[in-house]
Amino acid sequence: MAACTTALRPIIGTMRGADFDELTFFRAIQESGVRALLIGRRALVLLGLPVLTADYDFWIAVDQIAAFNAAAARCDLHPTVDAEEARRRGRYVVENDEHVDVLVARSVTTVDGVQVGFEDVWARRRAVTFAPGVDVQLPVIDDLILTKRFADRPKDLEDIRLLLMLKSEGTT
């Protein structure tokens, strides 16, 4: 089992922080068999869009919280709440040096009232190769746009604009 850090680096004084290894993180999720969709801006980055983000956002199947947490633990990421509380809230975080928002709901309603079901989005997903032998599961563009409508933030509107441009180019 590979660790999710590549090395330790000094920060200030005697504190040390881990260099997070994104490849190992994505591999751990893939090897876990968890039905996990990368959503949010990190998904846009994998599609080649010019956006910045400091965290990860996943939407996972509600019955796979423990398996996702075990995969994240390989990277020293730990849940902020137990599985029951996560199911009750519909979301939680795994974190340490990195921050991963985890959506765990059977469906979510967009700000315009559209019901988006995890199983439907999962059925239409596409795999994007991150590195040889490591694929990351993303919603198709239309579904990714819907996930950007779960909130009503200006950055989500900009992301939707970029996704629509990408879709119109037909490059995905």
Protein backbone atom coordinates (compact mmCIF):
# COMPACT_ATOMS: atom_id res chain seq x y z
CA MET A 1 0.00 0.00 0.00
CA ALA A 2 1.58 3.26 -1.14
CA ALA A 3 1.56 6.30 1.08
CA CYS A 4 0.06 9.46 -0.30
CA THR A 5 3.01 11.65 0.52
CA THR A 6 6.13 11.92 -1.54
CA ALA A 7 8.33 13.50 1.11
CA LEU A 8 8.25 15.68 4.17
CA ARG A 9 9.24 19.27 3.77
CA PRO A 10 10.17 21.79 6.46
CA ILE A 11 7.82 24.71 6.87
CA ILE A 12 8.36 27.22 9.66
CA GLY A 13 10.53 26.31 12.60
CA THR A 14 10.05 22.70 13.60
CA MET A 15 6.69 22.17 11.90
CA ARG A 16 6.64 19.80 8.94
CA GLY A 17 4.00 19.33 6.30
CA ALA A 18 3.46 16.50 3.87
CA ASP A 19 3.74 16.89 0.12
CA PHE A 20 0.41 15.50 -1.03
CA ASP A 21 0.62 13.06 -3.95
CA GLU A 22 -2.49 13.49 -6.08
CA LEU A 23 -1.68 10.43 -8.21
CA THR A 24 -1.56 8.17 -5.16
CA PHE A 25 -4.82 9.69 -3.91
CA PHE A 26 -6.64 9.04 -7.19
CA ARG A 27 -5.12 5.53 -7.36
CA ALA A 28 -6.32 4.77 -3.81
CA ILE A 29 -9.86 5.79 -4.74
CA GLN A 30 -9.77 3.73 -7.94
CA GLU A 31 -8.39 0.65 -6.16
CA SER A 32 -11.03 0.95 -3.42
CA GLY A 33 -13.80 0.33 -5.94
CA VAL A 34 -15.80 3.22 -4.51
CA ARG A 35 -18.27 4.81 -6.88
CA ALA A 36 -16.77 8.29 -6.55
CA LEU A 37 -17.31 11.14 -8.99
CA LEU A 38 -14.86 14.01 -9.00
CA ILE A 39 -16.91 17.19 -9.23
CA GLY A 40 -16.09 20.84 -8.64
CA ARG A 41 -13.22 22.79 -10.08
CA ARG A 42 -10.72 19.92 -9.87
CA ALA A 43 -12.88 18.12 -12.46
CA LEU A 44 -12.63 21.18 -14.71
CA VAL A 45 -8.85 21.13 -14.32
CA LEU A 46 -8.78 17.50 -15.50
CA LEU A 47 -10.81 18.58 -18.53
CA GLY A 48 -8.11 21.15 -19.32
CA LEU A 49 -9.99 24.28 -18.30
CA PRO A 50 -8.00 27.21 -16.87
CA VAL A 51 -9.35 27.40 -13.33
CA LEU A 52 -7.68 27.35 -9.94
CA THR A 53 -8.81 25.46 -6.88
CA ALA A 54 -7.32 24.50 -3.57
CA ASP A 55 -9.49 21.51 -2.71
CA TYR A 56 -11.19 18.41 -4.05
CA ASP A 57 -14.91 17.70 -4.31
CA PHE A 58 -16.33 14.19 -4.66
CA TRP A 59 -19.85 12.85 -4.87
CA ILE A 60 -19.95 9.26 -3.63
CA ALA A 61 -22.56 6.54 -3.29
CA VAL A 62 -24.23 6.77 0.13
CA ASP A 63 -23.37 3.20 1.07
CA GLN A 64 -19.65 3.62 0.40
CA ILE A 65 -18.59 6.17 3.02
CA ALA A 66 -16.43 3.69 4.93
CA ALA A 67 -14.65 2.51 1.78
CA PHE A 68 -14.00 6.09 0.64
CA ASN A 69 -12.68 6.99 4.09
CA ALA A 70 -10.36 3.97 4.01
CA ALA A 71 -8.99 5.08 0.63
CA ALA A 72 -8.53 8.62 1.92
CA ALA A 73 -6.80 7.29 5.06
CA ARG A 74 -4.06 5.88 2.80
CA CYS A 75 -3.24 9.54 2.18
CA ASP A 76 -3.52 10.49 5.84
CA LEU A 77 -6.88 12.20 5.24
CA HIS A 78 -9.45 11.71 7.97
CA PRO A 79 -13.22 12.36 8.16
CA THR A 80 -14.55 15.20 10.26
CA VAL A 81 -17.68 13.22 11.22
CA ASP A 82 -18.64 9.54 11.42
CA ALA A 83 -20.53 7.81 8.61
CA GLU A 84 -23.95 8.13 10.25
CA GLU A 85 -23.53 11.86 10.74
CA ALA A 86 -22.25 12.22 7.16
CA ARG A 87 -25.36 10.44 5.84
CA ARG A 88 -27.60 12.63 8.00
CA ARG A 89 -25.94 15.84 6.78
CA GLY A 90 -25.52 14.69 3.19
CA ARG A 91 -21.91 15.85 3.14
CA TYR A 92 -18.71 15.79 5.11
CA VAL A 93 -15.00 16.50 4.81
CA VAL A 94 -11.87 14.38 4.85
CA GLU A 95 -8.81 16.43 5.56
CA ASN A 96 -5.35 16.93 6.87
CA ASP A 97 -2.95 19.03 4.76
CA GLU A 98 -5.51 18.68 1.94
CA HIS A 99 -9.24 19.38 2.07
CA VAL A 100 -11.73 17.06 0.37
CA ASP A 101 -15.43 17.91 0.40
CA VAL A 102 -17.52 14.76 0.06
CA LEU A 103 -21.14 14.90 -1.06
CA VAL A 104 -23.02 11.80 0.06
CA ALA A 105 -26.63 12.08 -1.06
CA ARG A 106 -28.86 9.99 -3.30
CA SER A 107 -29.93 13.19 -5.04
CA VAL A 108 -29.44 16.92 -4.87
CA THR A 109 -31.73 19.67 -6.12
CA THR A 110 -30.21 22.49 -8.15
CA VAL A 111 -30.97 26.13 -7.40
CA ASP A 112 -33.46 26.01 -10.29
CA GLY A 113 -35.32 23.00 -8.85
CA VAL A 114 -33.85 20.22 -11.01
CA GLN A 115 -33.45 16.94 -9.13
CA VAL A 116 -30.06 15.34 -9.89
CA GLY A 117 -29.66 11.70 -8.83
CA PHE A 118 -26.29 10.15 -8.09
CA GLU A 119 -27.19 6.86 -9.80
CA ASP A 120 -28.18 8.67 -13.01
CA VAL A 121 -24.99 10.74 -13.06
CA TRP A 122 -22.90 7.65 -12.27
CA ALA A 123 -24.50 5.73 -15.16
CA ARG A 124 -23.49 8.48 -17.62
CA ARG A 125 -20.02 9.17 -16.16
CA ARG A 126 -16.81 9.16 -18.14
CA ALA A 127 -13.39 8.03 -17.10
CA VAL A 128 -10.52 10.47 -17.61
CA THR A 129 -7.03 9.01 -17.57
CA PHE A 130 -4.97 10.89 -15.01
CA ALA A 131 -1.88 8.72 -15.47
CA PRO A 132 -1.25 5.30 -17.01
CA GLY A 133 -3.46 2.85 -15.14
CA VAL A 134 -5.22 5.54 -13.10
CA ASP A 135 -8.60 6.81 -14.21
CA VAL A 136 -10.73 9.41 -12.47
CA GLN A 137 -14.51 9.25 -12.85
CA LEU A 138 -16.16 12.54 -13.91
CA PRO A 139 -19.75 13.44 -14.70
CA VAL A 140 -20.36 14.11 -18.40
CA ILE A 141 -20.35 17.83 -19.17
CA ASP A 142 -24.14 18.27 -18.96
CA ASP A 143 -24.15 16.60 -15.53
CA LEU A 144 -21.10 18.56 -14.39
CA ILE A 145 -23.01 21.71 -15.31
CA LEU A 146 -25.90 20.50 -13.15
CA THR A 147 -23.54 19.98 -10.19
CA LYS A 148 -22.41 23.57 -10.67
CA ARG A 149 -26.05 24.56 -10.10
CA PHE A 150 -26.14 22.98 -6.61
CA ALA A 151 -25.10 26.43 -5.35
CA ASP A 152 -25.56 29.91 -6.76
CA ARG A 153 -22.05 31.33 -6.62
CA PRO A 154 -20.45 33.63 -9.21
CA LYS A 155 -17.53 31.21 -9.73
CA ASP A 156 -20.00 28.44 -10.59
CA LEU A 157 -21.55 30.63 -13.29
CA GLU A 158 -18.09 31.22 -14.74
CA ASP A 159 -17.38 27.48 -14.61
CA ILE A 160 -20.65 26.79 -16.44
CA ARG A 161 -19.64 29.29 -19.12
CA LEU A 162 -16.32 27.47 -19.58
CA LEU A 163 -18.01 24.07 -19.65
CA LEU A 164 -20.46 25.27 -22.30
CA MET A 165 -17.54 26.52 -24.41
CA LEU A 166 -15.82 23.17 -24.05
CA LYS A 167 -19.03 21.36 -24.99
CA SER A 168 -19.54 23.54 -28.06
CA GLU A 169 -16.01 22.71 -29.22
CA GLY A 170 -16.92 19.04 -29.02
CA THR A 171 -13.52 18.13 -27.60
CA THR A 172 -14.86 15.87 -24.86
